[in-house]
Amino acid sequence: MTIKLLAIGKTDNKQLQLLIDDYTKRLGFYIKFELEIIPDLKKVKNLSEDQQKQKEGELILSKITTTDVLILLDENGKQYDSVQFANYLQKHMNSGIKQLVFVIGGPYGFSQDVYNAARGKVSLSKMTFSHQMVRLFMIEQLYRGFTILKNEPYHHR
């Protein structure tokens, strides 16, 4: 199985990018992982929130295939502790899917088309984080999940 993380817009904070790169490298020891950045839309000040969500949604949907399992990182998604999330990952690996795709949406969330294509929603917290930080948190939680599944000492229970 491959895990892909799709995100809108580049990370412009160099320290944050170094951490993202570090956890991406670590995660690669456990599973094939890809972080794919969808470039920010141009001329968004001429677009309504709905138009921006629609255009971002089209870009998101163009990056997935019909066999991908699409999971949205959404404030209204299901919350897991780290052990539960590890079990969630294991369940998907056991199901025989080829690619599990997590998506971090744009500043206004997802279009209805993206919600319709999704097979689930996960929330990292009830708090709001910058989209750039969410990338790091998600990759770290993926890494933590695999260390839990492998019974390695990274996660302290």
Protein backbone atom coordinates (compact mmCIF):
# COMPACT_ATOMS: atom_id res chain seq x y z
CA MET A 1 0.00 0.00 0.00
CA THR A 2 1.06 3.57 -0.65
CA ILE A 3 0.02 6.49 1.51
CA LYS A 4 -0.23 9.86 -0.18
CA LEU A 5 -0.74 13.21 1.50
CA LEU A 6 -2.17 15.88 -0.80
CA ALA A 7 -1.95 19.51 0.29
CA ILE A 8 -2.78 22.85 -1.29
CA GLY A 9 0.10 25.37 -1.43
CA LYS A 10 3.80 25.14 -0.67
CA THR A 11 5.39 25.29 2.78
CA ASP A 12 7.24 28.59 3.01
CA ASN A 13 8.65 28.11 6.52
CA LYS A 14 12.11 26.55 6.16
CA GLN A 15 12.24 25.11 9.71
CA LEU A 16 8.85 23.49 9.25
CA GLN A 17 9.96 22.09 5.88
CA LEU A 18 13.05 20.54 7.48
CA LEU A 19 10.86 18.73 10.02
CA ILE A 20 8.45 17.60 7.29
CA ASP A 21 11.41 16.25 5.31
CA ASP A 22 12.78 14.46 8.40
CA TYR A 23 9.51 12.68 9.19
CA THR A 24 8.91 11.91 5.51
CA LYS A 25 12.30 10.17 5.42
CA ARG A 26 11.56 8.27 8.64
CA LEU A 27 8.15 7.19 7.37
CA GLY A 28 9.77 5.79 4.23
CA PHE A 29 11.30 2.97 6.31
CA TYR A 30 7.79 1.59 6.95
CA ILE A 31 5.69 2.31 3.89
CA LYS A 32 5.77 3.95 0.49
CA PHE A 33 4.81 7.56 1.20
CA GLU A 34 4.31 10.55 -1.09
CA LEU A 35 3.68 14.18 -0.20
CA GLU A 36 2.17 15.95 -3.19
CA ILE A 37 1.70 19.69 -3.17
CA ILE A 38 -1.00 21.24 -5.33
CA PRO A 39 0.05 24.81 -6.19
CA ASP A 40 -1.97 27.67 -4.73
CA LEU A 41 -4.62 29.09 -7.03
CA LYS A 42 -3.75 32.34 -8.77
CA LYS A 43 -5.92 35.48 -8.60
CA VAL A 44 -8.08 34.21 -5.72
CA LYS A 45 -9.20 37.70 -4.75
CA ASN A 46 -11.51 37.59 -7.79
CA LEU A 47 -13.08 34.32 -6.58
CA SER A 48 -15.77 33.71 -3.98
CA GLU A 49 -15.09 31.14 -1.25
CA ASP A 50 -17.29 28.62 -3.09
CA GLN A 51 -15.52 29.25 -6.40
CA GLN A 52 -12.15 28.78 -4.71
CA LYS A 53 -13.31 25.52 -3.07
CA GLN A 54 -14.66 24.33 -6.43
CA LYS A 55 -11.41 25.04 -8.29
CA GLU A 56 -9.28 23.47 -5.54
CA GLY A 57 -11.67 20.51 -5.51
CA GLU A 58 -11.15 19.95 -9.23
CA LEU A 59 -7.38 19.95 -8.69
CA ILE A 60 -7.68 17.51 -5.77
CA LEU A 61 -9.94 15.14 -7.68
CA SER A 62 -7.58 15.23 -10.69
CA LYS A 63 -4.86 13.73 -8.44
CA ILE A 64 -6.77 10.61 -7.37
CA THR A 65 -7.86 7.46 -9.16
CA THR A 66 -11.06 5.47 -8.77
CA THR A 67 -9.22 2.81 -6.74
CA ASP A 68 -7.76 5.31 -4.23
CA VAL A 69 -9.32 5.56 -0.79
CA LEU A 70 -9.74 9.28 -0.16
CA ILE A 71 -9.73 10.50 3.45
CA LEU A 72 -10.23 14.18 4.22
CA LEU A 73 -8.51 15.96 7.08
CA ASP A 74 -11.57 17.84 8.26
CA GLU A 75 -12.51 19.58 11.49
CA ASN A 76 -15.72 17.52 11.61
CA GLY A 77 -13.94 14.21 11.09
CA LYS A 78 -13.47 11.38 13.55
CA GLN A 79 -10.80 11.94 16.18
CA TYR A 80 -8.41 9.16 17.17
CA ASP A 81 -5.72 8.82 19.77
CA SER A 82 -2.40 7.63 18.34
CA VAL A 83 -2.98 3.93 19.07
CA GLN A 84 -6.46 4.06 17.53
CA PHE A 85 -5.00 5.81 14.48
CA ALA A 86 -2.35 3.09 14.16
CA ASN A 87 -5.14 0.49 14.17
CA TYR A 88 -7.02 2.58 11.57
CA LEU A 89 -3.94 2.41 9.33
CA GLN A 90 -3.60 -1.34 9.91
CA LYS A 91 -7.24 -1.88 8.96
CA HIS A 92 -6.68 -0.07 5.65
CA MET A 93 -3.50 -2.06 4.96
CA ASN A 94 -5.36 -5.31 5.67
CA SER A 95 -8.15 -4.34 3.25
CA GLY A 96 -5.85 -4.73 0.25
CA ILE A 97 -6.18 -1.21 -1.13
CA LYS A 98 -3.38 0.11 -3.30
CA GLN A 99 -3.35 3.73 -2.18
CA LEU A 100 -4.68 5.61 0.83
CA VAL A 101 -4.87 9.34 0.16
CA PHE A 102 -5.20 11.91 2.93
CA VAL A 103 -6.05 15.45 1.82
CA ILE A 104 -5.46 18.80 3.50
CA GLY A 105 -7.82 21.26 1.85
CA GLY A 106 -7.46 24.94 1.16
CA PRO A 107 -8.35 27.79 3.53
CA TYR A 108 -12.12 27.32 3.08
CA GLY A 109 -12.24 23.54 3.19
CA PHE A 110 -13.50 21.19 0.51
CA SER A 111 -16.00 21.39 -2.32
CA GLN A 112 -19.09 19.19 -2.21
CA ASP A 113 -17.60 17.08 -5.02
CA VAL A 114 -14.58 16.28 -2.85
CA TYR A 115 -16.82 15.40 0.11
CA ASN A 116 -18.81 13.12 -2.20
CA ALA A 117 -15.66 11.33 -3.38
CA ALA A 118 -14.28 10.85 0.14
CA ARG A 119 -14.57 7.58 2.03
CA GLY A 120 -13.92 9.13 5.40
CA LYS A 121 -12.93 12.18 7.42
CA VAL A 122 -10.30 12.45 10.13
CA SER A 123 -9.80 15.35 12.53
CA LEU A 124 -6.42 15.89 14.16
CA SER A 125 -7.87 18.13 16.87
CA LYS A 126 -10.74 20.40 17.78
CA MET A 127 -8.20 23.23 17.60
CA THR A 128 -7.35 25.02 14.37
CA PHE A 129 -3.81 24.76 13.01
CA SER A 130 -2.15 26.38 10.01
CA HIS A 131 -2.36 24.21 6.91
CA GLN A 132 1.43 24.09 6.82
CA MET A 133 1.65 22.78 10.39
CA VAL A 134 -1.03 20.18 9.71
CA ARG A 135 1.30 18.61 7.14
CA LEU A 136 3.95 18.08 9.79
CA PHE A 137 1.43 16.83 12.37
CA MET A 138 -0.10 14.37 9.90
CA ILE A 139 3.23 12.96 8.72
CA GLU A 140 4.42 12.65 12.32
CA GLN A 141 1.23 10.81 13.28
CA LEU A 142 1.66 8.44 10.33
CA TYR A 143 5.22 7.76 11.48
CA ARG A 144 4.06 7.32 15.08
CA GLY A 145 1.33 4.94 13.91
CA PHE A 146 3.82 2.68 12.18
CA THR A 147 6.18 2.66 15.17
CA ILE A 148 3.19 1.60 17.30
CA LEU A 149 2.32 -1.19 14.85
CA LYS A 150 5.94 -2.38 14.89
CA ASN A 151 6.06 -2.17 18.70
CA GLU A 152 8.96 0.27 18.59
CA PRO A 153 9.76 2.63 21.49
CA TYR A 154 8.95 5.98 19.79
CA HIS A 155 5.42 6.15 21.28
CA HIS A 156 5.16 6.05 25.08
CA ARG A 157 1.92 4.65 26.41
